[in-house]
């Protein structure tokens, strides 16, 4: 199991327990992921740590003064 943190700007777009699809984007030396349809975005992930699967499950949502942070688990063992 692998977890990534995503930042969401508005509340209630997704909920804990939701299964989500991510789209992958590439920068010159890293990857980033967006929960579709443009709900939340990950930080930059090193090029050597690319996700093996594009489907994950939201396990936790933390509200802060600057946005909402989603913890998403990806089961890379099945790939």
N, C-alpha and C. Protein backbone atom coordinates (compact mmCIF):
# COMPACT_ATOMS: atom_id res chain seq x y z
N UNK A 1 0.84 -1.18 0.00
CA UNK A 1 0.00 0.00 0.00
C UNK A 1 0.89 1.24 0.00
N UNK A 2 0.54 2.20 -0.81
CA UNK A 2 1.30 3.45 -0.88
C UNK A 2 0.35 4.62 -0.66
N UNK A 3 0.79 5.62 0.08
CA UNK A 3 -0.07 6.78 0.33
C UNK A 3 0.55 8.05 -0.26
N UNK A 4 -0.31 8.92 -0.74
CA UNK A 4 0.08 10.25 -1.22
C UNK A 4 -0.85 11.27 -0.59
N UNK A 5 -0.33 12.48 -0.41
CA UNK A 5 -1.11 13.59 0.11
C UNK A 5 -1.48 14.51 -1.04
N UNK A 6 -2.74 14.91 -1.10
CA UNK A 6 -3.24 15.84 -2.11
C UNK A 6 -3.83 17.05 -1.41
N UNK A 7 -3.75 18.22 -2.04
CA UNK A 7 -4.35 19.43 -1.48
C UNK A 7 -5.59 19.78 -2.28
N UNK A 8 -6.68 20.03 -1.53
CA UNK A 8 -7.96 20.41 -2.11
C UNK A 8 -8.32 21.80 -1.58
N UNK A 9 -8.78 22.68 -2.43
CA UNK A 9 -9.07 24.07 -2.04
C UNK A 9 -10.46 24.27 -1.45
N UNK A 10 -11.46 23.50 -1.92
CA UNK A 10 -12.84 23.69 -1.48
C UNK A 10 -13.34 22.46 -0.75
N UNK A 11 -14.24 22.62 0.20
CA UNK A 11 -14.74 21.47 0.97
C UNK A 11 -15.77 20.64 0.19
N UNK A 12 -15.91 19.41 0.62
CA UNK A 12 -16.99 18.51 0.19
C UNK A 12 -16.98 18.12 -1.28
N UNK A 13 -15.84 18.20 -1.95
CA UNK A 13 -15.76 17.73 -3.33
C UNK A 13 -15.61 16.21 -3.37
N UNK A 14 -14.95 15.66 -2.36
CA UNK A 14 -14.82 14.21 -2.17
C UNK A 14 -14.94 13.94 -0.67
N UNK A 15 -15.10 12.68 -0.31
CA UNK A 15 -15.27 12.30 1.09
C UNK A 15 -14.40 11.10 1.43
N UNK A 16 -14.14 10.92 2.70
CA UNK A 16 -13.38 9.74 3.14
C UNK A 16 -14.12 8.49 2.67
N UNK A 17 -13.36 7.53 2.16
CA UNK A 17 -13.93 6.30 1.65
C UNK A 17 -14.18 6.31 0.15
N UNK A 18 -14.15 7.48 -0.48
CA UNK A 18 -14.36 7.56 -1.93
C UNK A 18 -13.19 6.92 -2.67
N UNK A 19 -13.51 6.22 -3.74
CA UNK A 19 -12.49 5.69 -4.65
C UNK A 19 -12.34 6.73 -5.76
N UNK A 20 -11.10 7.13 -6.02
CA UNK A 20 -10.83 8.20 -6.98
C UNK A 20 -9.84 7.75 -8.05
N UNK A 21 -9.94 8.41 -9.19
CA UNK A 21 -8.99 8.21 -10.29
C UNK A 21 -8.08 9.43 -10.34
N UNK A 22 -6.81 9.21 -10.64
CA UNK A 22 -5.87 10.31 -10.77
C UNK A 22 -5.32 10.38 -12.18
N UNK A 23 -5.05 11.59 -12.61
CA UNK A 23 -4.38 11.81 -13.89
C UNK A 23 -2.95 12.21 -13.60
N UNK A 24 -2.04 11.72 -14.41
CA UNK A 24 -0.62 11.94 -14.19
C UNK A 24 -0.11 13.07 -15.08
N UNK A 25 0.71 13.93 -14.51
CA UNK A 25 1.38 14.97 -15.28
C UNK A 25 2.87 14.85 -15.07
N UNK A 26 3.64 15.27 -16.06
CA UNK A 26 5.10 15.15 -15.97
C UNK A 26 5.75 16.51 -16.07
N UNK A 27 6.69 16.73 -15.17
CA UNK A 27 7.57 17.90 -15.19
C UNK A 27 8.95 17.40 -15.60
N UNK A 28 9.91 18.28 -15.83
CA UNK A 28 11.24 17.82 -16.28
C UNK A 28 11.88 16.78 -15.35
N UNK A 29 11.70 16.90 -14.05
CA UNK A 29 12.36 15.95 -13.16
C UNK A 29 11.44 15.35 -12.11
N UNK A 30 10.13 15.39 -12.36
CA UNK A 30 9.18 14.82 -11.39
C UNK A 30 7.81 14.58 -12.04
N UNK A 31 6.96 13.90 -11.28
CA UNK A 31 5.57 13.65 -11.66
C UNK A 31 4.68 14.42 -10.69
N UNK A 32 3.45 14.67 -11.09
CA UNK A 32 2.42 15.16 -10.18
C UNK A 32 1.11 14.50 -10.57
N UNK A 33 0.17 14.47 -9.64
CA UNK A 33 -1.09 13.77 -9.87
C UNK A 33 -2.25 14.68 -9.49
N UNK A 34 -3.33 14.57 -10.26
CA UNK A 34 -4.54 15.35 -10.03
C UNK A 34 -5.70 14.38 -9.87
N UNK A 35 -6.45 14.52 -8.77
CA UNK A 35 -7.66 13.72 -8.61
C UNK A 35 -8.69 14.28 -9.56
N UNK A 36 -9.23 13.44 -10.41
CA UNK A 36 -10.20 13.87 -11.42
C UNK A 36 -11.60 13.93 -10.84
N UNK A 37 -12.40 14.89 -11.27
CA UNK A 37 -12.15 15.93 -12.27
C UNK A 37 -11.60 17.19 -11.61
N UNK A 38 -10.30 17.34 -11.56
CA UNK A 38 -9.59 18.51 -11.01
C UNK A 38 -10.05 18.89 -9.61
N UNK A 39 -10.10 17.90 -8.72
CA UNK A 39 -10.54 18.10 -7.34
C UNK A 39 -9.39 18.51 -6.44
N UNK A 40 -8.25 17.83 -6.58
CA UNK A 40 -7.10 18.07 -5.70
C UNK A 40 -5.83 17.69 -6.44
N UNK A 41 -4.70 18.24 -5.95
CA UNK A 41 -3.42 18.02 -6.63
C UNK A 41 -2.36 17.57 -5.61
N UNK A 42 -1.50 16.67 -6.07
CA UNK A 42 -0.39 16.21 -5.22
C UNK A 42 0.76 17.20 -5.32
N UNK A 43 1.73 17.01 -4.46
CA UNK A 43 2.99 17.72 -4.62
C UNK A 43 3.78 17.03 -5.72
N UNK A 44 4.98 17.48 -5.97
CA UNK A 44 5.83 16.86 -6.98
C UNK A 44 6.45 15.57 -6.42
N UNK A 45 6.39 14.53 -7.23
CA UNK A 45 6.88 13.20 -6.85
C UNK A 45 8.13 12.91 -7.67
N UNK A 46 9.22 12.48 -7.03
CA UNK A 46 10.45 12.20 -7.80
C UNK A 46 10.19 11.25 -8.97
N UNK A 47 10.91 11.46 -10.03
CA UNK A 47 10.73 10.71 -11.27
C UNK A 47 10.84 9.20 -11.05
N UNK A 48 11.63 8.78 -10.07
CA UNK A 48 11.83 7.36 -9.79
C UNK A 48 10.70 6.76 -8.95
N UNK A 49 9.76 7.59 -8.48
CA UNK A 49 8.69 7.09 -7.60
C UNK A 49 7.30 7.22 -8.24
N UNK A 50 7.23 7.05 -9.54
CA UNK A 50 5.98 7.13 -10.30
C UNK A 50 4.97 6.10 -9.78
N UNK A 51 3.69 6.50 -9.73
CA UNK A 51 2.64 5.58 -9.31
C UNK A 51 2.49 4.45 -10.31
N UNK A 52 2.17 3.27 -9.82
CA UNK A 52 1.95 2.11 -10.68
C UNK A 52 0.48 1.94 -11.02
N UNK A 53 -0.40 2.55 -10.26
CA UNK A 53 -1.83 2.46 -10.47
C UNK A 53 -2.43 3.86 -10.40
N UNK A 54 -3.53 4.06 -11.07
CA UNK A 54 -4.16 5.38 -11.11
C UNK A 54 -5.47 5.43 -10.33
N UNK A 55 -5.75 4.39 -9.54
CA UNK A 55 -6.97 4.34 -8.74
C UNK A 55 -6.57 4.24 -7.27
N UNK A 56 -7.18 5.10 -6.43
CA UNK A 56 -6.89 5.09 -5.01
C UNK A 56 -8.13 5.32 -4.18
N UNK A 57 -7.98 5.21 -2.87
CA UNK A 57 -9.09 5.39 -1.94
C UNK A 57 -8.72 6.46 -0.92
N UNK A 58 -9.60 7.42 -0.70
CA UNK A 58 -9.36 8.48 0.27
C UNK A 58 -9.56 7.92 1.67
N UNK A 59 -8.51 7.99 2.48
CA UNK A 59 -8.58 7.42 3.83
C UNK A 59 -8.72 8.48 4.91
N UNK A 60 -8.34 9.73 4.59
CA UNK A 60 -8.41 10.79 5.61
C UNK A 60 -8.47 12.15 4.94
N UNK A 61 -9.27 13.04 5.51
CA UNK A 61 -9.33 14.43 5.06
C UNK A 61 -9.07 15.32 6.27
N UNK A 62 -8.08 16.20 6.16
CA UNK A 62 -7.74 17.11 7.25
C UNK A 62 -7.98 18.54 6.80
N UNK A 63 -8.83 19.25 7.53
CA UNK A 63 -9.12 20.66 7.24
C UNK A 63 -8.10 21.54 7.96
N UNK A 64 -7.54 22.51 7.23
CA UNK A 64 -6.61 23.48 7.82
C UNK A 64 -7.04 24.87 7.38
N UNK A 65 -6.34 25.89 7.86
CA UNK A 65 -6.64 27.26 7.47
C UNK A 65 -6.32 27.55 6.01
N UNK A 66 -5.48 26.74 5.40
CA UNK A 66 -5.08 27.01 4.02
C UNK A 66 -5.62 25.98 3.02
N UNK A 67 -6.51 25.12 3.44
CA UNK A 67 -7.10 24.15 2.53
C UNK A 67 -7.34 22.82 3.20
N UNK A 68 -7.62 21.84 2.39
CA UNK A 68 -7.95 20.49 2.86
C UNK A 68 -6.89 19.53 2.31
N UNK A 69 -6.39 18.68 3.18
CA UNK A 69 -5.36 17.72 2.78
C UNK A 69 -5.95 16.32 2.80
N UNK A 70 -5.86 15.65 1.66
CA UNK A 70 -6.43 14.32 1.50
C UNK A 70 -5.31 13.29 1.54
N UNK A 71 -5.50 12.25 2.31
CA UNK A 71 -4.59 11.11 2.28
C UNK A 71 -5.25 10.05 1.40
N UNK A 72 -4.54 9.65 0.36
CA UNK A 72 -5.08 8.67 -0.58
C UNK A 72 -4.16 7.46 -0.62
N UNK A 73 -4.75 6.27 -0.47
CA UNK A 73 -4.00 5.02 -0.52
C UNK A 73 -4.13 4.41 -1.90
N UNK A 74 -3.00 3.96 -2.42
CA UNK A 74 -2.94 3.29 -3.71
C UNK A 74 -2.42 1.87 -3.48
N UNK A 75 -3.16 0.86 -3.93
CA UNK A 75 -2.74 -0.53 -3.76
C UNK A 75 -1.86 -0.92 -4.94
N UNK A 76 -0.57 -0.76 -4.78
CA UNK A 76 0.36 -1.08 -5.86
C UNK A 76 0.78 -2.55 -5.83
N UNK A 77 0.32 -3.31 -4.84
CA UNK A 77 0.66 -4.73 -4.75
C UNK A 77 -0.07 -5.53 -5.81
N UNK A 78 -1.26 -5.05 -6.24
CA UNK A 78 -2.08 -5.79 -7.21
C UNK A 78 -1.62 -5.57 -8.64
N UNK A 79 -0.74 -4.59 -8.88
CA UNK A 79 -0.33 -4.24 -10.24
C UNK A 79 0.79 -5.15 -10.70
